[in-house]
Amino acid sequence: MGAGSLIALIIAAIAFSGIAILVAKLVTKATTNKQKGEPYECGVTTQGPSWIQFNVGYYLFALLFLIFDVELIFLFPWAVVVKKIGWIALIEVGIFFLILFTGFLYAHKKGALKWK
């Protein structure tokens, strides 16, 4: 697979996307109505301005969740080769968990896991 295959793939992706957008524009009826332009959240109508400032703690909590969730992805390859590697793999994953737990303790100490 050379550069030609990559170029063909990019052209096919652009063409497929363009055709899908064109078909959607041709088939659907364009309507403009005030209700369609309003923000929608769980079936409840919006009260007040929809652009409000959220507490930064929510973002920190979400980022910490993503970090620890992505860290778990690294355990799957380790679980596949643990029997082949032996004790070295156990020591490495112990160090990995120690670093992960240290990050958890730091976040807990800073209060990033508390809902205020």
Protein backbone atom coordinates (compact mmCIF):
# COMPACT_ATOMS: atom_id res chain seq x y z
CA MET A 1 0.00 0.00 0.00
CA GLY A 2 1.59 3.17 -1.14
CA ALA A 3 0.74 6.81 -1.41
CA GLY A 4 -1.74 6.09 -4.19
CA SER A 5 -3.91 4.04 -1.86
CA LEU A 6 -3.91 6.79 0.74
CA ILE A 7 -4.86 9.41 -1.83
CA ALA A 8 -7.65 7.19 -3.17
CA LEU A 9 -8.95 6.66 0.37
CA ILE A 10 -8.97 10.40 1.09
CA ILE A 11 -10.76 11.16 -2.19
CA ALA A 12 -13.33 8.43 -1.48
CA ALA A 13 -13.94 9.77 2.04
CA ILE A 14 -14.44 13.34 0.79
CA ALA A 15 -16.71 12.16 -2.03
CA PHE A 16 -18.80 9.96 0.27
CA SER A 17 -19.22 12.77 2.81
CA GLY A 18 -20.06 15.32 0.14
CA ILE A 19 -22.63 13.05 -1.51
CA ALA A 20 -24.27 12.28 1.85
CA ILE A 21 -24.57 16.00 2.68
CA LEU A 22 -25.90 16.79 -0.79
CA VAL A 23 -28.54 14.04 -0.61
CA ALA A 24 -29.61 15.24 2.85
CA LYS A 25 -30.02 18.81 1.55
CA LEU A 26 -32.03 17.66 -1.47
CA VAL A 27 -34.31 15.21 0.34
CA THR A 28 -35.18 17.11 3.50
CA LYS A 29 -37.44 20.10 3.64
CA ALA A 30 -35.74 23.16 5.11
CA THR A 31 -37.90 24.72 7.79
CA THR A 32 -37.17 27.70 9.91
CA ASN A 33 -38.97 27.89 13.17
CA LYS A 34 -38.11 29.48 16.49
CA GLN A 35 -38.56 26.30 18.49
CA LYS A 36 -35.96 24.40 16.44
CA GLY A 37 -33.32 27.02 17.24
CA GLU A 38 -33.75 26.76 21.01
CA PRO A 39 -31.43 24.69 23.18
CA TYR A 40 -32.93 21.36 24.20
CA GLU A 41 -32.07 19.47 27.36
CA CYS A 42 -33.92 16.31 28.41
CA GLY A 43 -37.33 17.54 27.27
CA VAL A 44 -37.33 20.49 29.67
CA THR A 45 -37.63 23.94 28.22
CA THR A 46 -34.75 26.27 28.95
CA GLN A 47 -35.27 28.93 31.60
CA GLY A 48 -32.97 31.91 31.58
CA PRO A 49 -29.85 32.25 29.43
CA SER A 50 -28.37 29.04 28.11
CA TRP A 51 -24.81 30.39 28.20
CA ILE A 52 -23.92 30.29 31.86
CA GLN A 53 -20.60 29.75 33.60
CA PHE A 54 -20.17 26.36 35.25
CA ASN A 55 -18.02 25.58 38.25
CA VAL A 56 -14.54 24.52 37.14
CA GLY A 57 -14.83 21.52 39.49
CA TYR A 58 -17.12 19.78 37.00
CA TYR A 59 -14.46 20.02 34.30
CA LEU A 60 -11.75 18.80 36.67
CA PHE A 61 -13.90 15.85 37.67
CA ALA A 62 -14.53 14.98 34.01
CA LEU A 63 -10.84 15.25 33.15
CA LEU A 64 -9.87 13.04 36.08
CA PHE A 65 -12.42 10.47 34.97
CA LEU A 66 -10.99 10.49 31.45
CA ILE A 67 -7.43 10.16 32.72
CA PHE A 68 -8.20 7.19 34.95
CA ASP A 69 -10.43 5.63 32.29
CA VAL A 70 -7.70 5.85 29.65
CA GLU A 71 -5.18 4.45 32.12
CA LEU A 72 -7.29 1.31 32.36
CA ILE A 73 -6.95 0.79 28.61
CA PHE A 74 -3.25 0.16 29.16
CA LEU A 75 -4.10 -2.85 31.32
CA PHE A 76 -5.58 -4.87 28.46
CA PRO A 77 -2.30 -5.41 26.57
CA TRP A 78 -0.63 -6.21 29.88
CA ALA A 79 -3.27 -8.85 30.66
CA VAL A 80 -2.63 -10.53 27.29
CA VAL A 81 1.12 -10.96 27.80
CA VAL A 82 1.34 -11.38 31.57
CA LYS A 83 1.98 -15.14 31.40
CA LYS A 84 4.72 -14.75 28.79
CA ILE A 85 6.61 -12.08 30.70
CA GLY A 86 6.19 -13.44 34.23
CA TRP A 87 7.26 -11.60 37.38
CA ILE A 88 8.59 -8.63 35.45
CA ALA A 89 5.05 -7.87 34.25
CA LEU A 90 3.74 -8.01 37.81
CA ILE A 91 6.41 -5.59 39.02
CA GLU A 92 5.73 -3.21 36.11
CA VAL A 93 1.99 -3.15 36.73
CA GLY A 94 2.68 -2.59 40.43
CA ILE A 95 4.73 0.49 39.56
CA PHE A 96 1.99 1.58 37.16
CA PHE A 97 -0.64 1.31 39.92
CA LEU A 98 1.62 3.11 42.37
CA ILE A 99 1.92 6.07 39.99
CA LEU A 100 -1.82 5.97 39.32
CA PHE A 101 -2.63 5.81 43.04
CA THR A 102 -0.26 8.71 43.72
CA GLY A 103 -2.17 10.79 41.16
CA PHE A 104 -5.44 9.78 42.81
CA LEU A 105 -4.17 10.80 46.25
CA TYR A 106 -2.97 14.14 44.87
CA ALA A 107 -6.39 14.84 43.30
CA HIS A 108 -8.12 13.81 46.51
CA LYS A 109 -5.86 16.04 48.62
CA LYS A 110 -6.52 19.03 46.33
CA GLY A 111 -10.28 18.46 46.68
CA ALA A 112 -10.86 17.82 42.98
CA LEU A 113 -13.15 14.88 43.76
CA LYS A 114 -15.53 16.80 46.05
CA TRP A 115 -18.87 18.11 44.80
CA LYS A 116 -19.30 21.65 46.09
